[in-house]
Amino acid sequence: MAQHQRPSLPLSEACQILSSHYRRQLLCYLQTKDADVANLDELVTHIHKKSKRETTPEQVRILLIHTHIPKLADYGVIEFDRRNKDIRYRDGTKLEDFLELLPAHTHST
């Protein structure tokens, strides 16, 4: 695991956050980007391609906007700018350490 000095995220919260395929894909995508910001459209496209579920891009968009993005924002993992639909990854949790423990197929971009 990475040896960074960041505020600790309780295991129960990390498990809650990472329990969703959509949230894992969103976080892995943001974590591997050169910039810490992604637009909602690019996230929808990426997650729809990665999803093994039978969903349309619009269904993915609705799930992200109404369920997964608000939950991640509530935990302080991301910030969502509703005006321009940008999602900013906030490096300030130990979530990366938990992401490293997930199977490799979760991280593929």
N, C-alpha and C. Protein backbone atom coordinates (compact mmCIF):
# COMPACT_ATOMS: atom_id res chain seq x y z
N MET A 1 0.83 -1.18 0.00
CA MET A 1 0.00 0.00 0.00
C MET A 1 0.87 1.24 0.00
N ALA A 2 0.34 2.31 -0.54
CA ALA A 2 1.07 3.57 -0.61
C ALA A 2 1.31 4.12 0.78
N GLN A 3 2.43 4.77 0.97
CA GLN A 3 2.79 5.33 2.26
C GLN A 3 2.65 6.84 2.22
N HIS A 4 1.45 7.34 2.05
CA HIS A 4 1.18 8.77 2.00
C HIS A 4 0.61 9.22 3.32
N GLN A 5 0.80 10.47 3.66
CA GLN A 5 0.22 11.04 4.87
C GLN A 5 -1.09 11.72 4.50
N ARG A 6 -2.17 10.96 4.55
CA ARG A 6 -3.49 11.50 4.24
C ARG A 6 -4.43 11.14 5.37
N PRO A 7 -5.51 11.90 5.52
CA PRO A 7 -6.49 11.52 6.53
C PRO A 7 -7.02 10.12 6.25
N SER A 8 -7.22 9.36 7.28
CA SER A 8 -7.70 8.00 7.14
C SER A 8 -9.19 7.98 6.84
N LEU A 9 -9.58 7.06 5.98
CA LEU A 9 -10.99 6.84 5.69
C LEU A 9 -11.37 5.53 6.38
N PRO A 10 -12.36 5.55 7.25
CA PRO A 10 -12.75 4.32 7.95
C PRO A 10 -13.08 3.20 6.97
N LEU A 11 -12.73 1.99 7.35
CA LEU A 11 -12.96 0.82 6.50
C LEU A 11 -14.42 0.69 6.11
N SER A 12 -15.33 0.93 7.03
CA SER A 12 -16.76 0.80 6.72
C SER A 12 -17.18 1.78 5.63
N GLU A 13 -16.64 3.00 5.67
CA GLU A 13 -16.97 3.98 4.63
C GLU A 13 -16.35 3.58 3.30
N ALA A 14 -15.11 3.13 3.32
CA ALA A 14 -14.46 2.69 2.08
C ALA A 14 -15.23 1.53 1.45
N CYS A 15 -15.67 0.59 2.27
CA CYS A 15 -16.45 -0.54 1.75
C CYS A 15 -17.77 -0.08 1.15
N GLN A 16 -18.43 0.87 1.80
CA GLN A 16 -19.68 1.41 1.29
C GLN A 16 -19.45 2.09 -0.06
N ILE A 17 -18.41 2.89 -0.14
CA ILE A 17 -18.11 3.60 -1.39
C ILE A 17 -17.80 2.60 -2.50
N LEU A 18 -16.97 1.62 -2.21
CA LEU A 18 -16.49 0.69 -3.24
C LEU A 18 -17.44 -0.47 -3.51
N SER A 19 -18.58 -0.50 -2.85
CA SER A 19 -19.53 -1.59 -3.06
C SER A 19 -20.22 -1.52 -4.42
N SER A 20 -20.15 -0.39 -5.07
CA SER A 20 -20.82 -0.22 -6.36
C SER A 20 -19.82 -0.29 -7.52
N HIS A 21 -20.16 -1.10 -8.51
CA HIS A 21 -19.37 -1.20 -9.73
C HIS A 21 -19.19 0.18 -10.37
N TYR A 22 -20.24 0.97 -10.41
CA TYR A 22 -20.18 2.28 -11.04
C TYR A 22 -19.23 3.22 -10.29
N ARG A 23 -19.28 3.20 -8.97
CA ARG A 23 -18.38 4.06 -8.20
C ARG A 23 -16.93 3.60 -8.34
N ARG A 24 -16.71 2.30 -8.35
CA ARG A 24 -15.33 1.80 -8.54
C ARG A 24 -14.79 2.24 -9.90
N GLN A 25 -15.60 2.09 -10.95
CA GLN A 25 -15.15 2.49 -12.28
C GLN A 25 -14.88 3.99 -12.35
N LEU A 26 -15.76 4.78 -11.76
CA LEU A 26 -15.59 6.23 -11.75
C LEU A 26 -14.29 6.61 -11.04
N LEU A 27 -14.05 6.04 -9.88
CA LEU A 27 -12.86 6.37 -9.10
C LEU A 27 -11.58 5.89 -9.78
N CYS A 28 -11.60 4.69 -10.33
CA CYS A 28 -10.42 4.19 -11.03
C CYS A 28 -10.10 5.06 -12.25
N TYR A 29 -11.13 5.49 -12.94
CA TYR A 29 -10.92 6.36 -14.10
C TYR A 29 -10.28 7.67 -13.67
N LEU A 30 -10.83 8.30 -12.64
CA LEU A 30 -10.28 9.57 -12.16
C LEU A 30 -8.87 9.39 -11.63
N GLN A 31 -8.62 8.29 -10.98
CA GLN A 31 -7.31 8.04 -10.39
C GLN A 31 -6.22 7.87 -11.46
N THR A 32 -6.58 7.32 -12.61
CA THR A 32 -5.58 7.06 -13.64
C THR A 32 -5.43 8.18 -14.66
N LYS A 33 -6.29 9.19 -14.58
CA LYS A 33 -6.18 10.32 -15.51
C LYS A 33 -4.99 11.20 -15.13
N ASP A 34 -4.42 11.88 -16.13
CA ASP A 34 -3.34 12.83 -15.86
C ASP A 34 -3.86 14.02 -15.07
N ALA A 35 -5.06 14.48 -15.42
CA ALA A 35 -5.68 15.59 -14.71
C ALA A 35 -6.64 15.02 -13.67
N ASP A 36 -6.94 15.81 -12.65
CA ASP A 36 -7.84 15.32 -11.60
C ASP A 36 -9.29 15.69 -11.87
N VAL A 37 -9.59 16.13 -13.10
CA VAL A 37 -10.95 16.52 -13.47
C VAL A 37 -11.38 15.75 -14.71
N ALA A 38 -12.63 15.31 -14.70
CA ALA A 38 -13.22 14.66 -15.86
C ALA A 38 -14.62 15.22 -16.06
N ASN A 39 -15.04 15.29 -17.30
CA ASN A 39 -16.39 15.74 -17.61
C ASN A 39 -17.34 14.56 -17.50
N LEU A 40 -18.57 14.86 -17.12
CA LEU A 40 -19.58 13.82 -16.97
C LEU A 40 -19.74 12.99 -18.25
N ASP A 41 -19.72 13.64 -19.41
CA ASP A 41 -19.89 12.91 -20.67
C ASP A 41 -18.80 11.85 -20.87
N GLU A 42 -17.54 12.21 -20.59
CA GLU A 42 -16.47 11.22 -20.77
C GLU A 42 -16.58 10.09 -19.76
N LEU A 43 -17.03 10.40 -18.54
CA LEU A 43 -17.23 9.35 -17.54
C LEU A 43 -18.36 8.41 -17.95
N VAL A 44 -19.45 8.97 -18.45
CA VAL A 44 -20.57 8.14 -18.90
C VAL A 44 -20.11 7.19 -20.00
N THR A 45 -19.39 7.71 -20.97
CA THR A 45 -18.89 6.89 -22.07
C THR A 45 -17.99 5.78 -21.56
N HIS A 46 -17.05 6.13 -20.69
CA HIS A 46 -16.11 5.14 -20.15
C HIS A 46 -16.83 4.06 -19.35
N ILE A 47 -17.69 4.47 -18.44
CA ILE A 47 -18.37 3.52 -17.57
C ILE A 47 -19.34 2.64 -18.36
N HIS A 48 -20.01 3.23 -19.34
CA HIS A 48 -20.92 2.43 -20.18
C HIS A 48 -20.14 1.35 -20.92
N LYS A 49 -18.97 1.69 -21.46
CA LYS A 49 -18.15 0.71 -22.17
C LYS A 49 -17.66 -0.40 -21.24
N LYS A 50 -17.32 -0.04 -20.01
CA LYS A 50 -16.79 -1.01 -19.05
C LYS A 50 -17.86 -1.87 -18.39
N SER A 51 -19.08 -1.38 -18.39
CA SER A 51 -20.14 -2.07 -17.67
C SER A 51 -20.55 -3.35 -18.37
N LYS A 52 -20.70 -4.38 -17.59
CA LYS A 52 -21.18 -5.66 -18.13
C LYS A 52 -22.70 -5.75 -18.00
N ARG A 53 -23.29 -4.71 -17.46
CA ARG A 53 -24.74 -4.67 -17.29
C ARG A 53 -25.38 -4.12 -18.57
N GLU A 54 -26.59 -4.52 -18.81
CA GLU A 54 -27.29 -4.03 -20.00
C GLU A 54 -27.95 -2.70 -19.69
N THR A 55 -27.19 -1.65 -19.89
CA THR A 55 -27.69 -0.30 -19.66
C THR A 55 -27.35 0.56 -20.86
N THR A 56 -28.13 1.59 -21.05
CA THR A 56 -27.84 2.57 -22.09
C THR A 56 -26.97 3.66 -21.48
N PRO A 57 -26.30 4.44 -22.31
CA PRO A 57 -25.53 5.56 -21.77
C PRO A 57 -26.41 6.51 -20.94
N GLU A 58 -27.64 6.71 -21.35
CA GLU A 58 -28.53 7.60 -20.60
C GLU A 58 -28.85 7.03 -19.22
N GLN A 59 -29.02 5.72 -19.13
CA GLN A 59 -29.26 5.10 -17.83
C GLN A 59 -28.03 5.25 -16.92
N VAL A 60 -26.85 5.09 -17.49
CA VAL A 60 -25.61 5.29 -16.72
C VAL A 60 -25.54 6.73 -16.23
N ARG A 61 -25.85 7.69 -17.11
CA ARG A 61 -25.83 9.11 -16.74
C ARG A 61 -26.77 9.37 -15.55
N ILE A 62 -27.97 8.85 -15.63
CA ILE A 62 -28.97 9.06 -14.57
C ILE A 62 -28.48 8.45 -13.26
N LEU A 63 -27.95 7.23 -13.32
CA LEU A 63 -27.42 6.58 -12.11
C LEU A 63 -26.28 7.40 -11.51
N LEU A 64 -25.40 7.89 -12.35
CA LEU A 64 -24.27 8.68 -11.84
C LEU A 64 -24.75 9.97 -11.19
N ILE A 65 -25.61 10.71 -11.89
CA ILE A 65 -26.05 12.02 -11.39
C ILE A 65 -26.90 11.90 -10.13
N HIS A 66 -27.77 10.92 -10.08
CA HIS A 66 -28.73 10.86 -8.97
C HIS A 66 -28.30 9.96 -7.81
N THR A 67 -27.35 9.08 -8.04
CA THR A 67 -26.97 8.15 -6.98
C THR A 67 -25.48 8.21 -6.64
N HIS A 68 -24.64 7.91 -7.60
CA HIS A 68 -23.23 7.67 -7.31
C HIS A 68 -22.40 8.93 -7.12
N ILE A 69 -22.59 9.93 -7.94
CA ILE A 69 -21.85 11.18 -7.75
C ILE A 69 -22.22 11.85 -6.43
N PRO A 70 -23.51 11.96 -6.08
CA PRO A 70 -23.84 12.56 -4.77
C PRO A 70 -23.24 11.79 -3.59
N LYS A 71 -23.24 10.46 -3.66
CA LYS A 71 -22.68 9.66 -2.56
C LYS A 71 -21.18 9.93 -2.43
N LEU A 72 -20.47 9.95 -3.55
CA LEU A 72 -19.03 10.22 -3.50
C LEU A 72 -18.75 11.64 -3.01
N ALA A 73 -19.59 12.58 -3.41
CA ALA A 73 -19.44 13.96 -2.94
C ALA A 73 -19.72 14.06 -1.44
N ASP A 74 -20.73 13.34 -0.96
CA ASP A 74 -21.04 13.34 0.47
C ASP A 74 -19.87 12.83 1.30
N TYR A 75 -19.13 11.87 0.78
CA TYR A 75 -17.97 11.33 1.48
C TYR A 75 -16.72 12.20 1.28
N GLY A 76 -16.83 13.24 0.45
CA GLY A 76 -15.69 14.12 0.22
C GLY A 76 -14.64 13.56 -0.72
N VAL A 77 -15.01 12.57 -1.50
CA VAL A 77 -14.06 11.94 -2.42
C VAL A 77 -13.97 12.71 -3.73
N ILE A 78 -15.08 13.30 -4.16
CA ILE A 78 -15.11 14.10 -5.39
C ILE A 78 -15.86 15.40 -5.12
N GLU A 79 -15.71 16.33 -6.06
CA GLU A 79 -16.54 17.53 -6.12
C GLU A 79 -17.22 17.52 -7.48
N PHE A 80 -18.49 17.90 -7.52
CA PHE A 80 -19.23 17.91 -8.78
C PHE A 80 -19.70 19.32 -9.06
N ASP A 81 -19.28 19.86 -10.20
CA ASP A 81 -19.71 21.18 -10.65
C ASP A 81 -20.91 20.97 -11.57
N ARG A 82 -22.09 21.27 -11.07
CA ARG A 82 -23.32 21.02 -11.85
C ARG A 82 -23.43 21.90 -13.09
N ARG A 83 -22.82 23.08 -13.05
CA ARG A 83 -22.91 23.98 -14.21
C ARG A 83 -22.22 23.41 -15.43
N ASN A 84 -20.96 23.02 -15.27
CA ASN A 84 -20.24 22.52 -16.44
C ASN A 84 -20.07 21.01 -16.45
N LYS A 85 -20.69 20.33 -15.45
CA LYS A 85 -20.72 18.86 -15.37
C LYS A 85 -19.32 18.25 -15.20
N ASP A 86 -18.44 18.96 -14.50
CA ASP A 86 -17.11 18.43 -14.23
C ASP A 86 -17.06 17.75 -12.87
N ILE A 87 -16.35 16.65 -12.83
CA ILE A 87 -16.13 15.91 -11.59
C ILE A 87 -14.66 16.03 -11.26
N ARG A 88 -14.36 16.54 -10.08
CA ARG A 88 -12.98 16.71 -9.64
C ARG A 88 -12.68 15.68 -8.56
N TYR A 89 -11.62 14.93 -8.78
CA TYR A 89 -11.17 13.94 -7.81
C TYR A 89 -10.41 14.67 -6.71
N ARG A 90 -10.80 14.44 -5.47
CA ARG A 90 -10.15 15.09 -4.34
C ARG A 90 -9.20 14.10 -3.68
N ASP A 91 -7.93 14.34 -3.87
CA ASP A 91 -6.93 13.49 -3.23
C ASP A 91 -6.82 13.92 -1.78
N GLY A 92 -7.43 13.20 -0.91
CA GLY A 92 -7.42 13.55 0.49
C GLY A 92 -7.93 12.42 1.35
N THR A 93 -8.16 11.29 0.74
CA THR A 93 -8.62 10.13 1.49
C THR A 93 -7.63 9.00 1.29
N LYS A 94 -7.78 7.96 2.02
CA LYS A 94 -6.95 6.77 1.82
C LYS A 94 -7.64 5.78 0.89
N LEU A 95 -8.56 6.25 0.10
CA LEU A 95 -9.31 5.37 -0.79
C LEU A 95 -8.41 4.69 -1.82
N GLU A 96 -7.35 5.37 -2.24
CA GLU A 96 -6.44 4.77 -3.22
C GLU A 96 -5.86 3.46 -2.70
N ASP A 97 -5.59 3.41 -1.40
CA ASP A 97 -5.05 2.18 -0.81
C ASP A 97 -6.04 1.03 -0.96
N PHE A 98 -7.32 1.32 -0.80
CA PHE A 98 -8.34 0.28 -0.95
C PHE A 98 -8.50 -0.10 -2.42
N LEU A 99 -8.42 0.88 -3.31
CA LEU A 99 -8.55 0.60 -4.75
C LEU A 99 -7.44 -0.33 -5.23
N GLU A 100 -6.24 -0.18 -4.66
CA GLU A 100 -5.12 -1.03 -5.06
C GLU A 100 -5.38 -2.50 -4.73
N LEU A 101 -6.24 -2.76 -3.78
CA LEU A 101 -6.53 -4.13 -3.37
C LEU A 101 -7.56 -4.82 -4.25
N LEU A 102 -8.23 -4.06 -5.10
CA LEU A 102 -9.27 -4.62 -5.96
C LEU A 102 -8.65 -5.40 -7.12
N PRO A 103 -9.38 -6.33 -7.70
CA PRO A 103 -8.87 -7.09 -8.84
C PRO A 103 -8.45 -6.17 -9.98
N ALA A 104 -7.47 -6.61 -10.75
CA ALA A 104 -6.90 -5.80 -11.83
C ALA A 104 -7.95 -5.37 -12.85
N HIS A 105 -8.96 -6.20 -13.15
CA HIS A 105 -9.95 -5.84 -14.17
C HIS A 105 -10.76 -4.61 -13.76
N THR A 106 -10.80 -4.31 -12.48
CA THR A 106 -11.52 -3.12 -12.01
C THR A 106 -10.82 -1.86 -12.47
N HIS A 107 -9.49 -1.91 -12.57
CA HIS A 107 -8.70 -0.73 -12.87
C HIS A 107 -8.49 -0.49 -14.35
N SER A 108 -8.71 -1.44 -15.19
CA SER A 108 -8.39 -1.26 -16.60
C SER A 108 -9.22 -0.14 -17.19
N THR A 109 -8.53 0.73 -17.92
CA THR A 109 -9.19 1.91 -18.52
C THR A 109 -9.21 1.83 -20.01
